[in-house]
Amino acid sequence: MKIGVMVESFRAGLDGGLKAAMEVGAQGVQIFATTGEVQPAKLDAGGRRELKSRMTGMGLELAAICADFGGHGFQKAEDNAKRVDNSKR
């Protein structure tokens, strides 16, 4: 069984959290992707490739992405187009 951790649980930013995950022996990580430096508006395709390469070099797999946009989920039809687009990215 592989062990994974949520990067943000280390409260050390993305780079510090990845390093801490590696140091504690985790094989996988979950990244919160709706705010901060990995949100789609801040991390383009090249940035995502670079992040994946960095993680691979550290022996880490991306196990999950947390994309909790908060609020009301998809219950308000007028907000769904933007939420669906954000979820896809």
N, C-alpha and C. Protein backbone atom coordinates (compact mmCIF):
# COMPACT_ATOMS: atom_id res chain seq x y z
N MET A 1 0.83 -1.16 0.00
CA MET A 1 0.00 0.00 0.00
C MET A 1 0.89 1.24 0.00
N LYS A 2 0.52 2.21 -0.83
CA LYS A 2 1.25 3.47 -0.87
C LYS A 2 0.67 4.43 0.16
N ILE A 3 1.54 5.23 0.73
CA ILE A 3 1.14 6.23 1.71
C ILE A 3 1.26 7.61 1.06
N GLY A 4 0.21 8.41 1.20
CA GLY A 4 0.22 9.76 0.67
C GLY A 4 -0.14 10.76 1.74
N VAL A 5 0.20 12.01 1.50
CA VAL A 5 -0.09 13.09 2.45
C VAL A 5 -0.61 14.30 1.68
N MET A 6 -1.31 15.15 2.38
CA MET A 6 -1.75 16.41 1.79
C MET A 6 -0.64 17.43 2.01
N VAL A 7 -0.12 17.97 0.93
CA VAL A 7 1.03 18.88 0.98
C VAL A 7 0.79 20.03 1.96
N GLU A 8 -0.42 20.59 1.94
CA GLU A 8 -0.72 21.74 2.79
C GLU A 8 -0.70 21.42 4.28
N SER A 9 -0.79 20.16 4.64
CA SER A 9 -0.79 19.81 6.06
C SER A 9 0.55 20.14 6.73
N PHE A 10 1.59 20.30 5.94
CA PHE A 10 2.90 20.65 6.51
C PHE A 10 3.04 22.15 6.78
N ARG A 11 2.11 22.94 6.22
CA ARG A 11 2.11 24.40 6.40
C ARG A 11 3.47 25.01 6.08
N ALA A 12 4.02 24.56 4.95
CA ALA A 12 5.35 25.01 4.54
C ALA A 12 5.37 25.49 3.09
N GLY A 13 4.21 25.79 2.52
CA GLY A 13 4.14 26.17 1.12
C GLY A 13 4.30 24.94 0.24
N LEU A 14 4.17 25.13 -1.05
CA LEU A 14 4.24 24.00 -1.98
C LEU A 14 5.60 23.32 -1.93
N ASP A 15 6.66 24.07 -2.14
CA ASP A 15 8.00 23.47 -2.17
C ASP A 15 8.36 22.83 -0.83
N GLY A 16 8.10 23.54 0.25
CA GLY A 16 8.40 22.99 1.58
C GLY A 16 7.57 21.76 1.88
N GLY A 17 6.30 21.79 1.46
CA GLY A 17 5.43 20.64 1.69
C GLY A 17 5.85 19.42 0.90
N LEU A 18 6.28 19.63 -0.35
CA LEU A 18 6.78 18.51 -1.15
C LEU A 18 8.04 17.93 -0.52
N LYS A 19 8.93 18.80 -0.09
CA LYS A 19 10.17 18.33 0.55
C LYS A 19 9.84 17.55 1.83
N ALA A 20 8.91 18.08 2.63
CA ALA A 20 8.53 17.39 3.87
C ALA A 20 7.90 16.04 3.56
N ALA A 21 7.06 15.98 2.53
CA ALA A 21 6.44 14.71 2.15
C ALA A 21 7.51 13.68 1.80
N MET A 22 8.49 14.11 1.04
CA MET A 22 9.59 13.22 0.68
C MET A 22 10.35 12.77 1.93
N GLU A 23 10.61 13.71 2.83
CA GLU A 23 11.39 13.41 4.03
C GLU A 23 10.69 12.44 4.97
N VAL A 24 9.36 12.47 5.01
CA VAL A 24 8.64 11.53 5.89
C VAL A 24 8.37 10.20 5.20
N GLY A 25 8.80 10.07 3.95
CA GLY A 25 8.68 8.80 3.25
C GLY A 25 7.37 8.57 2.51
N ALA A 26 6.59 9.63 2.30
CA ALA A 26 5.35 9.48 1.54
C ALA A 26 5.68 9.15 0.08
N GLN A 27 4.82 8.36 -0.53
CA GLN A 27 5.00 8.07 -1.95
C GLN A 27 4.10 8.95 -2.81
N GLY A 28 3.02 9.46 -2.24
CA GLY A 28 2.07 10.26 -2.99
C GLY A 28 1.67 11.50 -2.22
N VAL A 29 1.16 12.48 -2.97
CA VAL A 29 0.70 13.72 -2.35
C VAL A 29 -0.64 14.14 -2.94
N GLN A 30 -1.40 14.82 -2.11
CA GLN A 30 -2.61 15.51 -2.55
C GLN A 30 -2.31 16.99 -2.47
N ILE A 31 -2.70 17.72 -3.51
CA ILE A 31 -2.46 19.16 -3.56
C ILE A 31 -3.79 19.88 -3.63
N PHE A 32 -3.94 20.93 -2.82
CA PHE A 32 -5.13 21.78 -2.85
C PHE A 32 -4.96 22.74 -4.01
N ALA A 33 -5.85 22.65 -5.01
CA ALA A 33 -5.63 23.38 -6.25
C ALA A 33 -6.62 24.50 -6.52
N THR A 34 -7.33 24.96 -5.53
CA THR A 34 -8.29 26.03 -5.80
C THR A 34 -7.80 27.40 -5.36
N THR A 35 -6.76 27.43 -4.56
CA THR A 35 -6.14 28.70 -4.16
C THR A 35 -4.63 28.49 -4.18
N GLY A 36 -3.90 29.55 -3.97
CA GLY A 36 -2.46 29.43 -3.87
C GLY A 36 -1.78 29.29 -5.22
N GLU A 37 -0.55 28.83 -5.19
CA GLU A 37 0.28 28.85 -6.39
C GLU A 37 -0.04 27.77 -7.43
N VAL A 38 -0.86 26.80 -7.09
CA VAL A 38 -1.20 25.77 -8.09
C VAL A 38 -2.60 25.93 -8.68
N GLN A 39 -3.31 26.99 -8.31
CA GLN A 39 -4.63 27.20 -8.91
C GLN A 39 -4.46 27.44 -10.42
N PRO A 40 -5.44 27.01 -11.21
CA PRO A 40 -5.31 27.10 -12.67
C PRO A 40 -4.96 28.48 -13.20
N ALA A 41 -5.44 29.53 -12.57
CA ALA A 41 -5.14 30.88 -13.04
C ALA A 41 -3.67 31.25 -12.88
N LYS A 42 -2.96 30.56 -12.01
CA LYS A 42 -1.55 30.88 -11.75
C LYS A 42 -0.57 29.85 -12.29
N LEU A 43 -1.04 28.65 -12.63
CA LEU A 43 -0.13 27.59 -13.05
C LEU A 43 -0.55 27.09 -14.43
N ASP A 44 0.18 27.53 -15.44
CA ASP A 44 -0.17 27.13 -16.81
C ASP A 44 0.36 25.73 -17.11
N ALA A 45 0.16 25.27 -18.33
CA ALA A 45 0.56 23.90 -18.71
C ALA A 45 2.05 23.67 -18.50
N GLY A 46 2.87 24.64 -18.83
CA GLY A 46 4.31 24.50 -18.61
C GLY A 46 4.65 24.38 -17.14
N GLY A 47 3.98 25.17 -16.33
CA GLY A 47 4.18 25.10 -14.88
C GLY A 47 3.76 23.77 -14.31
N ARG A 48 2.67 23.22 -14.85
CA ARG A 48 2.21 21.91 -14.38
C ARG A 48 3.21 20.82 -14.76
N ARG A 49 3.76 20.91 -15.96
CA ARG A 49 4.79 19.93 -16.37
C ARG A 49 6.02 20.03 -15.48
N GLU A 50 6.42 21.25 -15.17
CA GLU A 50 7.60 21.45 -14.32
C GLU A 50 7.33 20.91 -12.91
N LEU A 51 6.13 21.14 -12.39
CA LEU A 51 5.77 20.62 -11.07
C LEU A 51 5.79 19.10 -11.08
N LYS A 52 5.22 18.50 -12.11
CA LYS A 52 5.22 17.03 -12.21
C LYS A 52 6.65 16.50 -12.26
N SER A 53 7.50 17.15 -13.03
CA SER A 53 8.90 16.73 -13.13
C SER A 53 9.62 16.83 -11.79
N ARG A 54 9.36 17.93 -11.07
CA ARG A 54 9.95 18.11 -9.74
C ARG A 54 9.51 17.01 -8.79
N MET A 55 8.21 16.72 -8.82
CA MET A 55 7.67 15.68 -7.94
C MET A 55 8.26 14.32 -8.29
N THR A 56 8.35 14.01 -9.58
CA THR A 56 8.92 12.73 -10.01
C THR A 56 10.37 12.62 -9.52
N GLY A 57 11.11 13.72 -9.62
CA GLY A 57 12.49 13.73 -9.16
C GLY A 57 12.62 13.51 -7.66
N MET A 58 11.56 13.81 -6.94
CA MET A 58 11.55 13.60 -5.49
C MET A 58 10.96 12.25 -5.11
N GLY A 59 10.57 11.47 -6.12
CA GLY A 59 9.98 10.16 -5.85
C GLY A 59 8.53 10.23 -5.41
N LEU A 60 7.83 11.33 -5.77
CA LEU A 60 6.44 11.53 -5.36
C LEU A 60 5.49 11.43 -6.54
N GLU A 61 4.32 10.86 -6.29
CA GLU A 61 3.25 10.80 -7.27
C GLU A 61 2.15 11.76 -6.85
N LEU A 62 1.45 12.31 -7.82
CA LEU A 62 0.27 13.09 -7.51
C LEU A 62 -0.87 12.11 -7.30
N ALA A 63 -1.30 11.96 -6.08
CA ALA A 63 -2.35 10.99 -5.74
C ALA A 63 -3.74 11.58 -5.91
N ALA A 64 -3.87 12.88 -5.63
CA ALA A 64 -5.18 13.52 -5.70
C ALA A 64 -5.03 15.03 -5.78
N ILE A 65 -6.07 15.65 -6.32
CA ILE A 65 -6.16 17.10 -6.35
C ILE A 65 -7.42 17.48 -5.60
N CYS A 66 -7.29 18.35 -4.63
CA CYS A 66 -8.46 18.85 -3.91
C CYS A 66 -8.93 20.10 -4.64
N ALA A 67 -10.15 20.06 -5.13
CA ALA A 67 -10.70 21.20 -5.87
C ALA A 67 -12.01 21.65 -5.23
N ASP A 68 -11.97 21.90 -3.95
CA ASP A 68 -13.14 22.35 -3.23
C ASP A 68 -13.26 23.85 -3.37
N PHE A 69 -14.24 24.29 -4.17
CA PHE A 69 -14.43 25.71 -4.38
C PHE A 69 -15.30 26.35 -3.31
N GLY A 70 -15.75 25.55 -2.36
CA GLY A 70 -16.54 26.08 -1.26
C GLY A 70 -17.91 26.57 -1.69
N GLY A 71 -18.57 27.18 -0.78
CA GLY A 71 -19.88 27.76 -1.08
C GLY A 71 -20.96 26.71 -1.24
N HIS A 72 -21.63 26.76 -2.34
CA HIS A 72 -22.84 25.99 -2.55
C HIS A 72 -22.68 24.85 -3.56
N GLY A 73 -21.47 24.52 -3.92
CA GLY A 73 -21.26 23.45 -4.90
C GLY A 73 -21.87 23.82 -6.24
N PHE A 74 -22.65 22.93 -6.81
CA PHE A 74 -23.26 23.16 -8.12
C PHE A 74 -24.77 23.37 -7.98
N GLN A 75 -25.20 23.90 -6.87
CA GLN A 75 -26.63 24.06 -6.62
C GLN A 75 -27.23 25.31 -7.25
N LYS A 76 -26.42 26.28 -7.63
CA LYS A 76 -26.94 27.50 -8.25
C LYS A 76 -26.60 27.47 -9.74
N ALA A 77 -27.62 27.24 -10.55
CA ALA A 77 -27.41 27.07 -12.00
C ALA A 77 -26.65 28.24 -12.61
N GLU A 78 -26.88 29.44 -12.16
CA GLU A 78 -26.23 30.62 -12.76
C GLU A 78 -24.72 30.64 -12.51
N ASP A 79 -24.25 29.92 -11.53
CA ASP A 79 -22.81 29.87 -11.22
C ASP A 79 -22.11 28.65 -11.82
N ASN A 80 -22.87 27.72 -12.34
CA ASN A 80 -22.30 26.43 -12.74
C ASN A 80 -21.33 26.51 -13.91
N ALA A 81 -21.56 27.36 -14.89
CA ALA A 81 -20.64 27.43 -16.04
C ALA A 81 -19.22 27.76 -15.57
N LYS A 82 -19.10 28.76 -14.69
CA LYS A 82 -17.77 29.14 -14.18
C LYS A 82 -17.18 28.02 -13.32
N ARG A 83 -18.00 27.39 -12.49
CA ARG A 83 -17.52 26.31 -11.62
C ARG A 83 -17.08 25.09 -12.43
N VAL A 84 -17.83 24.75 -13.46
CA VAL A 84 -17.45 23.63 -14.32
C VAL A 84 -16.13 23.93 -15.02
N ASP A 85 -15.98 25.16 -15.54
CA ASP A 85 -14.74 25.54 -16.21
C ASP A 85 -13.56 25.47 -15.24
N ASN A 86 -13.72 25.99 -14.03
CA ASN A 86 -12.64 25.92 -13.04
C ASN A 86 -12.32 24.47 -12.69
N SER A 87 -13.33 23.63 -12.57
CA SER A 87 -13.11 22.22 -12.23
C SER A 87 -12.33 21.50 -13.33
N LYS A 88 -12.64 21.80 -14.57
CA LYS A 88 -11.93 21.16 -15.69
C LYS A 88 -10.47 21.56 -15.73
N ARG A 89 -10.17 22.82 -15.42
CA ARG A 89 -8.79 23.28 -15.47
C ARG A 89 -8.01 22.70 -14.33
